[in-house]
Every structure is written in structure tokens, then in C-alpha cells.
Protein backbone atom coordinates (compact mmCIF):
# COMPACT_ATOMS: atom_id res chain seq x y z
CA MET A 1 -67.07 -59.66 -99.05
CA THR A 2 -69.62 -58.62 -101.39
CA PRO A 3 -68.06 -57.52 -104.64
CA THR A 4 -69.02 -53.79 -105.83
CA SER A 5 -67.01 -54.12 -109.12
CA THR A 6 -69.05 -53.05 -112.06
CA ARG A 7 -66.29 -53.95 -114.66
CA SER A 8 -63.27 -56.18 -114.69
CA GLY A 9 -60.19 -54.35 -112.55
CA ARG A 10 -62.55 -51.98 -110.86
CA LEU A 11 -62.70 -52.21 -106.86
CA GLY A 12 -65.00 -51.21 -104.26
CA VAL A 13 -63.19 -48.60 -102.12
CA GLY A 14 -63.71 -48.03 -98.40
CA VAL A 15 -62.36 -44.82 -97.14
CA VAL A 16 -61.59 -44.38 -93.41
CA GLY A 17 -60.85 -41.25 -92.42
CA GLY A 18 -62.68 -37.59 -93.49
CA GLY A 19 -59.28 -35.57 -93.29
CA HIS A 20 -57.59 -33.55 -95.82
CA VAL A 21 -56.10 -36.69 -97.75
CA GLY A 22 -58.83 -39.61 -97.76
CA PRO A 23 -61.66 -38.12 -99.90
CA VAL A 24 -58.88 -36.71 -102.00
CA LEU A 25 -57.35 -39.64 -102.59
CA GLY A 26 -61.33 -41.02 -102.88
CA ALA A 27 -61.98 -39.09 -105.57
CA ALA A 28 -59.19 -39.83 -107.36
CA LEU A 29 -59.68 -43.38 -107.77
CA ALA A 30 -63.02 -42.85 -108.46
CA GLY A 31 -61.91 -40.88 -111.28
CA ALA A 32 -60.24 -44.18 -112.23
CA GLY A 33 -63.34 -45.80 -112.49
CA HIS A 34 -63.56 -47.28 -108.92
CA ALA A 35 -66.74 -47.45 -106.97
CA ILE A 36 -66.28 -45.55 -103.59
CA VAL A 37 -68.67 -47.44 -101.21
CA GLY A 38 -68.44 -45.28 -98.41
CA VAL A 39 -66.42 -43.18 -96.02
CA SER A 40 -66.05 -42.79 -92.30
CA ALA A 41 -66.60 -39.15 -91.28
CA VAL A 42 -67.08 -37.86 -87.44
CA SER A 43 -66.70 -34.13 -86.98
CA GLU A 44 -68.91 -31.59 -89.35
CA PRO A 45 -65.75 -30.44 -91.14
CA SER A 46 -65.21 -34.14 -92.31
CA ARG A 47 -68.56 -34.59 -93.30
CA GLU A 48 -69.02 -31.35 -95.05
CA ARG A 49 -65.47 -32.38 -96.82
CA VAL A 50 -67.04 -35.77 -98.01
CA GLU A 51 -69.95 -33.89 -99.48
CA ALA A 52 -67.67 -31.84 -101.81
CA MET A 53 -65.23 -34.47 -102.82
CA LEU A 54 -67.38 -37.27 -103.17
CA PRO A 55 -70.96 -36.14 -103.61
CA GLY A 56 -73.34 -38.89 -102.66
CA VAL A 57 -71.56 -41.03 -100.99
CA PRO A 58 -72.83 -42.69 -97.82
CA ILE A 59 -70.71 -42.13 -94.78
CA LEU A 60 -70.83 -45.03 -92.72
CA GLU A 61 -69.11 -46.84 -89.46
CA VAL A 62 -65.91 -47.91 -90.07
CA PRO A 63 -66.66 -52.00 -89.40
CA THR A 64 -69.46 -51.82 -92.13
CA LEU A 65 -67.41 -49.70 -94.18
CA ILE A 66 -64.83 -52.45 -94.49
CA GLU A 67 -67.04 -55.16 -94.74
CA ARG A 68 -68.57 -53.76 -98.20
CA SER A 69 -64.98 -52.88 -99.72
CA GLU A 70 -62.51 -54.48 -101.25
CA LEU A 71 -59.72 -51.85 -101.00
CA VAL A 72 -59.76 -49.93 -97.60
CA LEU A 73 -57.89 -46.81 -97.86
CA LEU A 74 -56.85 -45.84 -94.04
CA ALA A 75 -56.24 -42.14 -94.14
CA VAL A 76 -55.64 -41.50 -90.56
CA PRO A 77 -52.60 -39.86 -88.53
CA ASP A 78 -49.34 -41.83 -88.16
CA GLN A 79 -50.41 -42.07 -84.19
CA GLU A 80 -53.56 -43.31 -84.62
CA LEU A 81 -52.85 -46.20 -87.39
CA PRO A 82 -51.59 -49.21 -85.10
CA ALA A 83 -54.58 -48.96 -82.59
CA LEU A 84 -56.98 -48.90 -85.49
CA VAL A 85 -55.43 -52.19 -87.25
CA ALA A 86 -54.96 -53.65 -84.25
CA GLY A 87 -58.56 -53.08 -82.92
CA LEU A 88 -60.03 -54.40 -86.31
CA ALA A 89 -58.23 -57.19 -85.98
CA ALA A 90 -59.00 -58.01 -82.76
CA THR A 91 -62.74 -57.75 -83.74
CA GLY A 92 -62.09 -60.18 -86.90
CA THR A 93 -63.35 -57.63 -89.07
CA TRP A 94 -60.72 -57.77 -91.61
CA GLN A 95 -61.54 -59.85 -94.57
CA PRO A 96 -59.37 -62.38 -96.82
CA GLY A 97 -58.23 -60.90 -100.09
CA GLN A 98 -59.09 -57.12 -99.21
CA ILE A 99 -56.31 -54.90 -100.17
CA VAL A 100 -55.57 -52.70 -97.04
CA LEU A 101 -53.76 -49.50 -97.97
CA HIS A 102 -52.62 -47.06 -95.31
CA THR A 103 -51.20 -43.36 -96.63
CA ALA A 104 -49.41 -42.52 -93.10
CA PRO A 105 -45.74 -41.49 -94.14
CA GLY A 106 -43.92 -42.73 -90.92
CA HIS A 107 -45.12 -46.41 -91.22
CA GLY A 108 -44.27 -49.43 -93.85
CA VAL A 109 -46.35 -52.42 -93.85
CA GLY A 110 -45.43 -53.65 -90.68
CA VAL A 111 -48.01 -51.96 -89.03
CA LEU A 112 -50.83 -53.63 -90.98
CA ARG A 113 -49.48 -57.27 -89.57
CA PRO A 114 -52.66 -57.61 -87.82
CA ALA A 115 -54.49 -57.32 -90.54
CA ALA A 116 -52.01 -59.72 -92.49
CA VAL A 117 -52.63 -62.20 -90.39
CA ALA A 118 -56.48 -62.26 -92.22
CA ARG A 119 -54.55 -62.94 -95.35
CA VAL A 120 -55.37 -59.05 -96.56
CA ILE A 121 -52.91 -57.39 -98.70
CA PRO A 122 -50.91 -55.02 -97.37
CA LEU A 123 -49.85 -51.54 -99.00
CA ALA A 124 -48.26 -48.48 -97.36
CA VAL A 125 -48.49 -45.59 -100.11
CA HIS A 126 -47.91 -42.10 -99.06
CA PRO A 127 -48.29 -38.99 -101.02
CA ALA A 128 -45.79 -36.69 -100.97
CA LEU A 129 -48.27 -33.75 -101.42
CA ALA A 130 -49.33 -30.94 -98.90
CA PHE A 131 -52.96 -31.53 -99.02
CA THR A 132 -55.54 -29.10 -98.91
CA GLY A 133 -58.59 -31.17 -98.77
CA THR A 134 -60.10 -29.95 -102.17
CA SER A 135 -60.26 -30.06 -105.83
CA LEU A 136 -57.30 -28.89 -106.32
CA ASP A 137 -55.57 -31.25 -104.76
CA LEU A 138 -56.65 -33.45 -108.02
CA ALA A 139 -54.65 -31.68 -110.33
CA ARG A 140 -51.34 -31.55 -107.97
CA LEU A 141 -51.65 -35.79 -107.83
CA THR A 142 -51.01 -35.55 -111.38
CA GLU A 143 -47.36 -34.11 -110.61
CA SER A 144 -46.89 -35.61 -107.29
CA TYR A 145 -44.80 -38.79 -106.32
CA PHE A 146 -46.04 -41.37 -103.82
CA ALA A 147 -43.90 -43.48 -101.61
CA VAL A 148 -44.78 -46.79 -102.20
CA THR A 149 -44.07 -49.98 -99.74
CA ALA A 150 -45.19 -53.58 -99.90
CA PRO A 151 -44.08 -57.37 -99.75
CA ALA A 152 -42.75 -58.04 -103.36
CA PRO A 153 -45.13 -60.16 -104.75
CA VAL A 154 -48.19 -57.52 -104.32
CA LEU A 155 -45.75 -54.23 -105.15
CA PRO A 156 -47.21 -54.01 -108.50
CA ILE A 157 -50.56 -53.54 -107.03
CA GLY A 158 -49.84 -50.26 -104.97
CA GLN A 159 -47.88 -49.16 -107.81
CA ALA A 160 -50.73 -49.86 -110.20
CA LEU A 161 -53.20 -47.99 -107.92
CA VAL A 162 -50.61 -44.78 -108.04
CA VAL A 163 -50.75 -44.14 -111.43
CA GLU A 164 -54.26 -44.67 -111.42
CA MET A 165 -54.55 -41.75 -109.03
CA GLY A 166 -52.02 -39.65 -111.49
CA GLY A 167 -49.25 -39.94 -109.52
CA GLU A 168 -45.98 -41.28 -109.97
CA PRO A 169 -44.64 -44.46 -107.61
CA VAL A 170 -41.46 -44.68 -105.61
CA VAL A 171 -40.54 -47.80 -104.14
CA VAL A 172 -39.49 -47.11 -100.55
CA ALA A 173 -38.00 -49.75 -98.57
CA GLU A 174 -39.77 -51.02 -94.91
CA GLU A 175 -36.42 -49.99 -92.86
CA ASP A 176 -36.40 -46.70 -94.66
CA ARG A 177 -39.59 -45.35 -93.99
CA ALA A 178 -38.56 -43.66 -90.57
CA ALA A 179 -36.12 -41.76 -92.53
CA TYR A 180 -38.47 -41.17 -95.36
CA ALA A 181 -40.61 -39.56 -92.72
CA GLU A 182 -38.27 -37.47 -91.31
CA ALA A 183 -37.76 -35.64 -94.91
CA ILE A 184 -41.20 -35.51 -95.40
CA ALA A 185 -41.74 -33.57 -92.01
CA THR A 186 -38.60 -31.43 -92.38
CA ALA A 187 -39.52 -30.01 -95.61
CA THR A 188 -42.99 -29.40 -94.70
CA SER A 189 -42.28 -28.14 -91.26
CA PHE A 190 -39.19 -25.91 -92.77
CA SER A 191 -41.33 -24.71 -95.63
CA ARG A 192 -43.95 -23.48 -93.47
CA SER A 193 -41.58 -21.51 -90.73
CA ILE A 194 -39.68 -19.83 -93.07
CA VAL A 195 -42.92 -18.54 -94.85
CA GLY A 196 -44.78 -17.76 -91.81
CA GLN A 197 -41.52 -15.87 -90.35
CA SER A 198 -40.93 -13.71 -93.81
CA THR A 199 -44.75 -12.95 -94.04
CA GLY A 200 -44.48 -11.71 -90.44
CA ILE A 201 -41.81 -9.70 -91.06
CA LEU A 202 -43.29 -7.90 -94.23
CA ARG A 203 -46.49 -7.56 -92.56
CA GLY A 204 -44.62 -5.94 -89.71
CA ILE A 205 -43.24 -3.08 -92.14
CA GLY A 206 -46.60 -2.40 -93.37
CA VAL A 207 -46.63 -4.60 -96.74
CA GLU A 208 -50.05 -5.75 -97.71
CA ASN A 209 -50.90 -9.28 -98.70
CA PRO A 210 -47.36 -10.71 -97.87
CA GLY A 211 -48.24 -13.89 -98.75
CA SER A 212 -49.02 -12.92 -102.85
CA PHE A 213 -45.56 -10.73 -102.64
CA LEU A 214 -43.56 -13.52 -101.69
CA SER A 215 -45.44 -16.08 -103.73
CA SER A 216 -43.27 -16.35 -107.26
CA LEU A 217 -40.04 -15.45 -105.00
CA VAL A 218 -41.03 -18.68 -102.77
CA ARG A 219 -41.80 -20.56 -105.65
CA SER A 220 -38.91 -20.00 -107.82
CA ALA A 221 -36.40 -20.40 -105.06
CA VAL A 222 -37.95 -23.65 -104.01
CA ASP A 223 -37.87 -25.07 -108.06
CA ASN A 224 -34.21 -23.87 -108.46
CA ALA A 225 -33.22 -25.80 -105.14
CA LEU A 226 -35.09 -28.57 -106.38
CA THR A 227 -33.36 -28.81 -109.46
CA ARG A 228 -30.35 -28.06 -108.36
CA ALA A 229 -30.86 -31.21 -105.75
CA GLY A 230 -31.92 -33.52 -108.47
CA THR A 231 -28.38 -33.17 -110.23
CA ALA A 232 -25.76 -32.54 -107.19
CA SER A 233 -25.44 -33.79 -103.46
CA ALA A 234 -27.19 -31.35 -100.96
CA LEU A 235 -25.04 -28.36 -99.59
CA GLU A 236 -24.42 -27.25 -96.56
CA VAL A 237 -25.65 -23.58 -95.35
CA SER A 238 -22.15 -22.37 -95.20
CA ASP A 239 -21.25 -23.69 -98.85
CA MET A 240 -24.40 -21.91 -100.17
CA LEU A 241 -23.21 -18.78 -98.40
CA ALA A 242 -19.63 -19.05 -99.79
CA GLU A 243 -21.11 -19.40 -103.49
CA PHE A 244 -23.32 -15.76 -103.09
CA ALA A 245 -20.02 -14.67 -101.60
CA GLU A 246 -18.23 -15.61 -105.08
CA GLU A 247 -21.03 -14.44 -107.32
CA PRO A 248 -18.90 -11.85 -109.93
CA GLU A 249 -21.96 -9.45 -109.84
CA ASP A 250 -24.74 -8.32 -108.13
CA ASP A 251 -28.15 -8.27 -109.78
CA GLY A 252 -30.02 -6.78 -107.02
CA SER A 253 -32.27 -9.91 -106.61
CA LEU A 254 -30.89 -10.36 -102.91
CA PRO A 255 -30.31 -7.21 -100.62
CA GLU A 256 -26.63 -6.59 -99.56
CA SER A 257 -26.15 -6.37 -95.65
CA HIS A 258 -25.07 -3.14 -94.17
CA GLY A 259 -23.87 -2.27 -90.75
CA GLY A 260 -25.76 0.57 -89.01
């Protein structure tokens, strides 16, 4: 491994994956002063995304990318990660002392065990953010939390990288990663489903731009729910309905249901 650092504490970073996550995190690390030595990207949309987020950074084959990197960022889907890590271990690609960081929510550092045999530094770091793959995400990272899982001696490295990307690190234990992934999937899929259903209904009754119509309502409703989640235990649906029924007056923000 040839160091590419230009000043103390800076790393040569290789990004494996040209989807919505990898190029954005690469840009965030570049903004913190690290050198992006290359990105792997196969499809044309991925290559275009890399060019937009990391202009001038070369697109390299994965083995070459890892050979040149001090920090390897594996931004690939959960289901692809085990085979990728094991395959690179089988070919002797991993290098001692290398930092290997993956972003899959459903895995801790156990999935990196084949690489750890080569004495890499394993980190599991997942940003709790729905990525667009554009520069908009860079600003959103500064308001985001990252789940960090790592062996205790190297946990500060993962936390420091998160801070450099502008996020807030939160430690998630290895045995809790599956539950963490379930929480992330529930929040993501539920919000998409509800918004899709609501905009579909509004579109059906002739409301133009239903997404814009619901934007303030959905954001304020989610903000209120998140605020309450931070100060009280979660409520069941029946509890929430009971609360609505006990409201002393109707302010017109929610329609009453009338039988026809």
C-alpha cells in the first residue's frame, strides 16, 4: 500500500460503489481533507454520479482501488457485502493496517471477518439518511446521525471519521445491528408508502402537485412525532386515536369523519 496522504492524519480513500451513498460520503471525506484515490462504478448512471460528486477522480477496478487506498469505503447493498469481502480476502487483496469501512445497516463488523484475518481495521458505519446521490446530501449529513459499530480499540477511528463527514456518531452494538436495520427499514418504507398513498388520493381528486401540497404537513407531522419520540415512549395507534378523541376543541387541522 502506497500512502497518498499529503499531510498528517489525511488518508487515501478508495470508494467501492458508485450508487447514491458512496460518492456522497467520498465527497464529504474529500471536504475534510482526505484524498480520494478512486471510485469503482460500473453503470453509466453511476459513472455520471461519480463525475458530478467527485470530478476528476478516476474510476478504477476494485482490486486496484484497494491496493492504492489506506481507507476503503464499501458502499454496496447489504446482500452483496459478504461475497465481496470474502472474494477479496480469497485473492489476498486486503492489506494489513488498512481501514475497511462498510455502510450496510444490517451488518456489523462480523461481515468483515475475512478481511480482518489480514489485520485490517474493521468499521461498520451507517448514515441514517435517505440519500439522493447529489450535493443536497452533503448539507443533510451535517444534521444526520451515524450508527458506528467497531471493536473497542478502534471505535474512536470510526467516530472521528463520522465527525469529519459532519455527522453525529452513535455507537450500536454488534448484536443490535439487525434490530437497528429493522428500525431503519421500517421508517424508510413506511414513510414512502404513506406519502405515496396520500399523494395518489389527492391526485385522484384533481389536486395538482400533491407532493408540494403535502410537503409542509408531512414535515411538521414527522417533526412533531420525532420530538415526542425523544421525550416519551412510543405510542400505539390506539393510544394516538384516543388522544385525538380527547382533544377539547377542533382547530380544523384534521377533518372529522361523517357517515354518508
